[in-house]
């Protein structure tokens, strides 16, 4: 009885130290996503919901563990984290597979018929390693030097190049966005971003003629008008998605009552186009609720970043902010026909075990920043075990 009481005391002590609002908001988003996935898969043969629930539970558990560890200590392991990320990313070139509904060979098959997408875990690894890089340059007063900025460029280009050659240019955009947000928030001077922007603009003709394939070009061109043939192919998913959203009106047709959802009209609606389920069945109110949840989640991340006591903590939070914010903007842009379809999931909502599990690792990092303020001597705060638990478990 004493042991049980001690464990409960430790759990309560843990949640007192965490950002409870942030936990609630992320779990609310996942629960909302469960409802949308359950509605989309009704009558289907694949149980996406079961996989999603398992992934969220796994990710949540891992997030709790990460939050207990001081982020300063985690960042000291950046060499090992980078090594794991590189091994996983390189492994795709040898044992990678393509799964249904994707254009890239960026997956690894696991026992039991499961698949794993290394790029999702690499995103989280990049947040830690790049934040550490920025923190080191800041401490050595080299963040504003040309050489320092070039090392940052090289750091970012490694995952960007490797994942580009896998064919996952959607993930490349996410990495690029995280790189820009983290660098800017750390204090990299504006002139470097202007120079980068000019270089990107100058490279557009080369990218269009040499790097983009016909499918990618057609997905972009269909945004500016399409004939019937293009609409039936490259613009079909977006067209049907917009029709589904418009059919919901203000209040929608009711959860589990959308006829277009039941007939699976929108291709791969459980994944990249999960927002259209909310649009048809819950209407404008349901869509607005999703946007409000993301606004509050991102606001809490920014608040944690502003309260961080060192550059490392701030950069970690801004990395997660960039990850979630970029994916939300691109996914909604795809669904609403403002951006081409490039395979970006809606965080916390879209079906995808690897994506949501790894996303919760990022949640754990933000919680770690909140829970472990750096002491005056800049020493990591080690994981603390409740004295009550120590006494109840280790007592003679």
Protein backbone atom coordinates (compact mmCIF):
# COMPACT_ATOMS: atom_id res chain seq x y z
CA UNK A 1 0.00 0.00 0.00
CA UNK A 2 2.85 2.33 0.84
CA UNK A 3 4.51 1.60 -2.49
CA UNK A 4 1.31 2.39 -4.42
CA UNK A 5 0.90 5.62 -2.48
CA UNK A 6 4.51 6.55 -3.23
CA UNK A 7 4.09 5.93 -6.93
CA UNK A 8 0.90 8.02 -7.02
CA UNK A 9 2.71 10.80 -5.18
CA UNK A 10 5.55 10.67 -7.73
CA UNK A 11 3.09 10.81 -10.62
CA UNK A 12 1.28 13.80 -9.12
CA UNK A 13 4.60 15.51 -8.44
CA UNK A 14 5.60 14.93 -12.05
CA UNK A 15 2.45 16.47 -13.48
CA UNK A 16 2.73 19.45 -11.16
CA UNK A 17 6.08 20.22 -12.77
CA UNK A 18 4.94 19.80 -16.35
CA UNK A 19 3.10 22.22 -18.59
CA UNK A 20 -0.32 20.66 -18.04
CA UNK A 21 -2.03 22.90 -20.58
CA UNK A 22 0.39 21.76 -23.28
CA UNK A 23 -0.29 18.10 -22.47
CA UNK A 24 -4.04 18.69 -22.61
CA UNK A 25 -3.90 20.55 -25.92
CA UNK A 26 -1.80 17.90 -27.68
CA UNK A 27 -3.95 15.07 -26.34
CA UNK A 28 -7.13 16.92 -27.37
CA UNK A 29 -5.73 17.18 -30.90
CA UNK A 30 -4.97 13.44 -30.95
CA UNK A 31 -8.41 12.52 -29.59
CA UNK A 32 -10.04 14.74 -32.20
CA UNK A 33 -7.92 12.96 -34.80
CA UNK A 34 -9.10 9.57 -33.50
CA UNK A 35 -12.70 10.60 -34.12
CA UNK A 36 -11.98 11.73 -37.68
CA UNK A 37 -10.00 8.57 -38.51
CA UNK A 38 -12.71 6.35 -37.00
CA UNK A 39 -15.30 8.05 -39.18
CA UNK A 40 -13.18 7.81 -42.32
CA UNK A 41 -12.43 4.11 -41.96
CA UNK A 42 -15.98 2.93 -41.22
CA UNK A 43 -16.75 0.04 -43.48
CA UNK A 44 -13.12 -0.15 -44.61
CA UNK A 45 -10.79 -3.10 -44.44
CA UNK A 46 -7.78 -1.34 -42.86
CA UNK A 47 -7.86 -0.45 -39.15
CA UNK A 48 -6.03 2.88 -39.22
CA UNK A 49 -7.46 3.86 -35.85
CA UNK A 50 -5.88 0.94 -34.00
CA UNK A 51 -2.44 1.82 -35.38
CA UNK A 52 -2.96 5.49 -34.52
CA UNK A 53 -3.95 4.77 -30.93
CA UNK A 54 -0.96 2.48 -30.43
CA UNK A 55 1.38 5.10 -31.93
CA UNK A 56 0.02 7.88 -29.70
CA UNK A 57 0.35 5.70 -26.59
CA UNK A 58 3.91 4.78 -27.54
CA UNK A 59 4.81 8.37 -28.37
CA UNK A 60 3.20 9.71 -25.19
CA UNK A 61 5.14 7.25 -23.04
CA UNK A 62 8.39 8.19 -24.77
CA UNK A 63 7.54 11.88 -24.35
CA UNK A 64 7.14 11.42 -20.60
CA UNK A 65 10.56 9.74 -20.40
CA UNK A 66 12.20 12.51 -22.47
CA UNK A 67 10.57 15.23 -20.38
CA UNK A 68 12.12 13.71 -17.23
CA UNK A 69 15.62 14.11 -18.69
CA UNK A 70 17.23 17.53 -18.70
CA UNK A 71 17.45 18.79 -22.26
CA UNK A 72 20.95 20.09 -21.51
CA UNK A 73 22.06 16.53 -20.89
CA UNK A 74 20.24 15.25 -23.99
CA UNK A 75 21.99 17.85 -26.13
CA UNK A 76 25.37 16.66 -24.86
CA UNK A 77 24.57 13.36 -26.59
CA UNK A 78 24.27 15.11 -29.96
CA UNK A 79 27.01 13.01 -31.56
CA UNK A 80 25.17 9.79 -30.78
CA UNK A 81 21.83 11.29 -31.83
CA UNK A 82 23.34 12.44 -35.14
CA UNK A 83 24.87 9.01 -35.68
CA UNK A 84 21.52 7.25 -35.17
CA UNK A 85 19.80 9.67 -37.54
CA UNK A 86 22.44 9.19 -40.25
CA UNK A 87 22.36 5.40 -39.96
CA UNK A 88 18.58 5.31 -40.25
CA UNK A 89 18.57 7.76 -43.16
CA UNK A 90 21.29 5.89 -45.06
CA UNK A 91 19.58 2.55 -44.46
CA UNK A 92 16.70 3.64 -46.66
CA UNK A 93 19.01 3.61 -49.70
CA UNK A 94 19.62 -0.11 -49.12
CA UNK A 95 16.44 -1.53 -47.60
CA UNK A 96 13.91 1.23 -48.27
CA UNK A 97 10.48 0.46 -49.70
CA UNK A 98 7.63 2.48 -51.16
CA UNK A 99 4.27 2.25 -49.40
CA UNK A 100 0.86 2.76 -50.96
CA UNK A 101 -0.05 6.40 -51.52
CA UNK A 102 3.52 7.75 -51.51
CA UNK A 103 5.97 8.72 -54.22
CA UNK A 104 9.19 8.18 -52.29
CA UNK A 105 11.18 5.14 -51.22
CA UNK A 106 11.56 6.35 -47.66
CA UNK A 107 10.20 3.52 -45.55
CA UNK A 108 11.65 0.48 -43.80
CA UNK A 109 9.63 -2.68 -43.33
CA UNK A 110 9.51 -3.98 -39.76
CA UNK A 111 8.47 -7.39 -38.43
CA UNK A 112 4.74 -7.97 -38.22
CA UNK A 113 3.94 -6.07 -41.41
CA UNK A 114 4.67 -2.68 -39.83
CA UNK A 115 6.58 0.10 -41.59
CA UNK A 116 8.80 2.88 -40.24
CA UNK A 117 9.71 6.20 -41.87
CA UNK A 118 13.20 7.28 -40.70
CA UNK A 119 12.78 10.88 -41.88
CA UNK A 120 10.18 11.49 -39.16
CA UNK A 121 12.63 10.53 -36.42
CA UNK A 122 15.39 12.46 -38.18
CA UNK A 123 13.30 15.63 -37.83
CA UNK A 124 13.38 15.27 -34.05
CA UNK A 125 17.08 14.42 -34.06
CA UNK A 126 17.74 17.50 -36.19
CA UNK A 127 15.98 19.71 -33.63
CA UNK A 128 18.38 18.53 -30.92
CA UNK A 129 21.61 18.56 -32.95
CA UNK A 130 20.93 21.86 -34.70
CA UNK A 131 19.85 23.55 -31.47
CA UNK A 132 23.11 22.39 -29.89
CA UNK A 133 25.04 23.75 -32.89
CA UNK A 134 23.35 27.14 -32.57
CA UNK A 135 23.94 27.20 -28.81
CA UNK A 136 27.66 26.47 -29.23
CA UNK A 137 28.10 29.22 -31.81
CA UNK A 138 26.20 31.64 -29.57
CA UNK A 139 28.36 30.81 -26.54
CA UNK A 140 31.57 31.24 -28.60
CA UNK A 141 30.27 34.48 -30.16
CA UNK A 142 30.62 33.03 -33.66
CA UNK A 143 26.96 33.10 -34.70
CA UNK A 144 27.45 36.31 -36.67
CA UNK A 145 30.59 35.20 -38.50
CA UNK A 146 30.54 33.99 -42.07
CA UNK A 147 32.29 30.74 -41.14
CA UNK A 148 29.79 30.06 -38.36
CA UNK A 149 26.83 30.56 -40.66
CA UNK A 150 28.39 28.32 -43.31
CA UNK A 151 28.73 25.50 -40.76
CA UNK A 152 25.02 25.91 -40.03
CA UNK A 153 24.26 25.66 -43.76
CA UNK A 154 26.33 22.49 -44.02
CA UNK A 155 24.57 21.00 -40.98
CA UNK A 156 21.16 21.59 -42.53
CA UNK A 157 22.14 20.46 -46.01
CA UNK A 158 23.12 16.96 -44.86
CA UNK A 159 19.58 15.75 -44.00
CA UNK A 160 18.02 17.89 -46.73
CA UNK A 161 20.22 16.34 -49.44
CA UNK A 162 19.86 12.78 -48.19
CA UNK A 163 16.07 12.96 -47.94
CA UNK A 164 15.81 14.72 -51.31
CA UNK A 165 17.57 11.78 -52.95
CA UNK A 166 15.03 9.50 -51.30
CA UNK A 167 12.35 11.41 -53.21
CA UNK A 168 10.59 12.92 -50.17
CA UNK A 169 10.65 16.60 -51.09
CA UNK A 170 7.78 17.29 -48.70
CA UNK A 171 10.06 16.41 -45.78
CA UNK A 172 12.81 18.52 -47.40
CA UNK A 173 10.56 21.58 -47.11
CA UNK A 174 9.94 20.84 -43.44
CA UNK A 175 13.67 20.61 -42.73
CA UNK A 176 14.28 23.85 -44.63
CA UNK A 177 11.56 25.62 -42.66
CA UNK A 178 12.95 24.36 -39.31
CA UNK A 179 16.42 25.50 -40.39
CA UNK A 180 15.17 29.02 -41.17
CA UNK A 181 13.00 29.41 -38.06
CA UNK A 182 15.66 28.09 -35.66
CA UNK A 183 18.44 30.15 -37.26
CA UNK A 184 16.41 33.37 -37.30
CA UNK A 185 15.22 32.99 -33.70
CA UNK A 186 18.80 32.27 -32.57
CA UNK A 187 19.96 35.60 -34.00
CA UNK A 188 21.53 34.81 -37.38
CA UNK A 189 21.71 38.15 -39.18
CA UNK A 190 19.06 39.09 -41.73
CA UNK A 191 21.55 39.59 -44.57
CA UNK A 192 22.22 35.86 -44.70
CA UNK A 193 18.51 35.13 -45.18
CA UNK A 194 18.31 37.73 -47.92
CA UNK A 195 21.29 36.16 -49.66
CA UNK A 196 19.71 32.72 -49.29
CA UNK A 197 16.45 34.02 -50.75
CA UNK A 198 18.22 35.48 -53.77
CA UNK A 199 20.05 32.19 -54.33
CA UNK A 200 16.78 30.26 -54.16
CA UNK A 201 15.12 32.58 -56.68
CA UNK A 202 18.07 32.26 -59.05
CA UNK A 203 17.90 28.47 -58.74
CA UNK A 204 14.19 28.24 -59.64
CA UNK A 205 14.76 27.81 -63.42
CA UNK A 206 17.35 25.09 -62.77
CA UNK A 207 15.06 23.30 -60.31
CA UNK A 208 12.16 23.44 -62.80
CA UNK A 209 14.11 22.13 -65.77
CA UNK A 210 16.55 19.70 -64.15
CA UNK A 211 15.22 18.56 -60.78
CA UNK A 212 11.42 18.43 -61.02
CA UNK A 213 9.80 15.49 -62.79
CA UNK A 214 6.65 15.74 -64.92
CA UNK A 215 4.34 14.69 -62.07
CA UNK A 216 5.69 17.43 -59.81
CA UNK A 217 5.33 20.03 -62.54
CA UNK A 218 1.76 18.97 -63.29
CA UNK A 219 0.79 19.10 -59.61
CA UNK A 220 2.01 22.69 -59.52
CA UNK A 221 0.48 23.76 -62.83
CA UNK A 222 -2.94 22.34 -61.96
CA UNK A 223 -3.25 25.04 -59.28
CA UNK A 224 -3.41 27.67 -62.03
CA UNK A 225 -6.13 26.00 -64.06
CA UNK A 226 -6.64 22.53 -65.44
CA UNK A 227 -8.37 20.87 -68.35
CA UNK A 228 -10.57 17.84 -67.78
CA UNK A 229 -7.68 15.40 -68.23
CA UNK A 230 -5.52 17.15 -65.63
CA UNK A 231 -8.45 17.48 -63.26
CA UNK A 232 -9.11 13.75 -63.44
CA UNK A 233 -5.49 12.98 -62.55
CA UNK A 234 -3.24 15.50 -60.84
CA UNK A 235 -6.01 17.77 -59.50
CA UNK A 236 -8.56 15.12 -58.61
CA UNK A 237 -7.71 14.71 -54.91
CA UNK A 238 -7.71 18.44 -54.25
CA UNK A 239 -10.91 19.01 -56.23
CA UNK A 240 -12.79 16.33 -54.33
CA UNK A 241 -11.35 17.56 -51.05
CA UNK A 242 -12.63 21.07 -51.64
CA UNK A 243 -16.06 19.71 -52.60
CA UNK A 244 -16.18 17.72 -49.34
CA UNK A 245 -15.28 20.76 -47.24
CA UNK A 246 -17.83 22.95 -49.02
CA UNK A 247 -20.57 20.34 -48.59
CA UNK A 248 -20.31 20.57 -44.81
CA UNK A 249 -21.53 24.14 -44.52
CA UNK A 250 -21.43 25.70 -41.06
CA UNK A 251 -22.20 22.73 -38.80
CA UNK A 252 -21.51 19.76 -41.10
CA UNK A 253 -23.50 16.60 -41.70
CA UNK A 254 -22.58 15.08 -38.36
CA UNK A 255 -19.73 12.85 -37.27
CA UNK A 256 -20.00 9.39 -38.90
CA UNK A 257 -22.75 10.75 -41.19
CA UNK A 258 -20.81 12.23 -44.11
CA UNK A 259 -21.86 10.41 -47.31
CA UNK A 260 -18.71 11.35 -49.21
CA UNK A 261 -16.57 10.13 -46.32
CA UNK A 262 -18.51 6.85 -46.24
CA UNK A 263 -18.00 6.38 -49.99
CA UNK A 264 -14.26 7.18 -49.68
CA UNK A 265 -14.52 9.77 -52.45
CA UNK A 266 -11.34 11.67 -51.48
CA UNK A 267 -8.25 9.47 -52.07
CA UNK A 268 -6.13 8.79 -48.96
CA UNK A 269 -8.47 10.89 -46.87
CA UNK A 270 -7.29 9.28 -43.62
CA UNK A 271 -3.83 10.72 -44.14
CA UNK A 272 -2.91 14.01 -45.81
CA UNK A 273 -6.56 15.01 -46.40
CA UNK A 274 -7.99 14.27 -42.94
CA UNK A 275 -9.01 17.94 -42.71
CA UNK A 276 -11.67 17.29 -45.35
CA UNK A 277 -13.39 14.79 -43.02
CA UNK A 278 -13.77 17.56 -40.44
CA UNK A 279 -15.03 19.92 -43.16
CA UNK A 280 -17.77 17.59 -44.40
CA UNK A 281 -18.94 16.11 -41.11
CA UNK A 282 -18.33 18.96 -38.64
CA UNK A 283 -18.44 21.90 -41.02
CA UNK A 284 -16.86 25.30 -40.53
CA UNK A 285 -17.09 24.91 -36.75
CA UNK A 286 -15.11 21.66 -36.83
CA UNK A 287 -12.44 23.19 -39.08
CA UNK A 288 -12.21 26.28 -36.88
CA UNK A 289 -11.73 24.06 -33.83
CA UNK A 290 -8.71 22.42 -35.50
CA UNK A 291 -7.20 25.80 -36.30
CA UNK A 292 -7.82 27.00 -32.74
CA UNK A 293 -6.09 23.92 -31.31
CA UNK A 294 -3.03 24.50 -33.47
CA UNK A 295 -2.95 28.19 -32.56
CA UNK A 296 -2.99 27.36 -28.85
CA UNK A 297 -0.40 24.58 -29.19
CA UNK A 298 1.99 26.82 -31.10
CA UNK A 299 1.35 29.68 -28.67
CA UNK A 300 2.31 27.44 -25.73
CA UNK A 301 5.50 26.41 -27.52
CA UNK A 302 6.41 30.06 -28.07
CA UNK A 303 5.71 30.83 -24.41
CA UNK A 304 8.00 27.99 -23.35
CA UNK A 305 10.68 29.26 -25.74
CA UNK A 306 10.45 32.80 -24.33
CA UNK A 307 10.76 31.46 -20.78
CA UNK A 308 13.79 29.27 -21.57
CA UNK A 309 16.84 30.27 -19.58
CA UNK A 310 19.46 29.53 -22.26
CA UNK A 311 19.76 29.60 -26.07
CA UNK A 312 19.63 25.80 -26.28
CA UNK A 313 16.19 25.55 -24.71
CA UNK A 314 14.87 28.36 -26.86
CA UNK A 315 16.19 26.77 -30.05
CA UNK A 316 14.70 23.37 -29.21
CA UNK A 317 11.27 24.94 -28.75
CA UNK A 318 11.58 26.95 -31.95
CA UNK A 319 12.55 23.80 -33.81
CA UNK A 320 9.34 22.10 -32.71
CA UNK A 321 7.42 25.29 -33.53
CA UNK A 322 8.88 25.23 -37.03
CA UNK A 323 8.09 21.53 -37.47
CA UNK A 324 4.43 21.80 -36.50
CA UNK A 325 3.82 25.23 -38.02
CA UNK A 326 5.32 24.29 -41.37
CA UNK A 327 3.36 21.06 -41.65
CA UNK A 328 0.09 22.78 -40.73
CA UNK A 329 0.58 25.54 -43.31
CA UNK A 330 1.60 23.17 -46.10
CA UNK A 331 -1.07 20.58 -45.35
CA UNK A 332 -3.90 23.11 -45.25
CA UNK A 333 -2.48 24.77 -48.37
CA UNK A 334 -2.62 21.39 -50.15
CA UNK A 335 -6.15 20.62 -49.00
CA UNK A 336 -7.49 24.06 -49.98
CA UNK A 337 -5.80 23.94 -53.39
CA UNK A 338 -3.35 26.75 -52.65
CA UNK A 339 -0.24 24.54 -52.76
CA UNK A 340 0.61 21.38 -54.72
CA UNK A 341 0.13 17.97 -53.10
CA UNK A 342 3.52 16.94 -51.71
CA UNK A 343 2.65 14.43 -49.00
CA UNK A 344 2.69 16.41 -45.75
CA UNK A 345 0.58 15.13 -42.86
CA UNK A 346 -1.52 17.27 -40.54
CA UNK A 347 0.23 16.98 -37.13
CA UNK A 348 -1.67 15.00 -34.45
CA UNK A 349 -4.60 14.41 -36.83
CA UNK A 350 -3.44 12.50 -39.89
CA UNK A 351 -3.20 8.72 -39.76
CA UNK A 352 0.43 7.66 -39.61
CA UNK A 353 2.09 5.73 -36.81
CA UNK A 354 5.65 6.93 -37.35
CA UNK A 355 4.60 10.54 -37.81
CA UNK A 356 2.50 10.90 -34.67
CA UNK A 357 4.81 8.82 -32.44
CA UNK A 358 7.84 10.92 -33.41
CA UNK A 359 5.80 14.10 -33.04
CA UNK A 360 5.27 13.26 -29.38
CA UNK A 361 9.04 12.97 -28.96
CA UNK A 362 9.09 16.66 -29.88
CA UNK A 363 6.37 17.30 -27.31
CA UNK A 364 8.62 15.63 -24.74
CA UNK A 365 11.51 17.92 -25.68
CA UNK A 366 9.37 21.02 -25.17
CA UNK A 367 8.19 19.67 -21.82
CA UNK A 368 11.81 19.05 -20.84
CA UNK A 369 12.64 22.69 -21.52
CA UNK A 370 9.69 23.72 -19.36
CA UNK A 371 10.57 21.34 -16.51
CA UNK A 372 14.33 21.84 -16.35
CA UNK A 373 15.34 25.48 -16.00
CA UNK A 374 19.11 25.80 -15.98
CA UNK A 375 20.69 26.60 -12.62
CA UNK A 376 23.09 29.56 -12.18
CA UNK A 377 26.14 27.35 -12.78
CA UNK A 378 24.58 26.01 -16.00
CA UNK A 379 24.63 22.46 -14.67
CA UNK A 380 22.01 20.02 -15.95
CA UNK A 381 19.25 19.18 -13.50
CA UNK A 382 19.22 15.41 -13.25
CA UNK A 383 16.11 13.27 -13.21
CA UNK A 384 14.62 13.42 -9.73
CA UNK A 385 12.83 10.53 -8.06
CA UNK A 386 10.28 11.38 -5.41
CA UNK A 387 11.64 10.89 -1.91
CA UNK A 388 8.40 9.19 -1.06
CA UNK A 389 8.95 6.61 -3.79
CA UNK A 390 12.55 6.11 -2.73
CA UNK A 391 11.44 5.47 0.79
CA UNK A 392 8.62 3.14 -0.14
CA UNK A 393 10.47 1.09 -2.75
CA UNK A 394 13.95 0.92 -1.25
CA UNK A 395 12.99 0.78 2.40
CA UNK A 396 14.09 -2.41 4.19
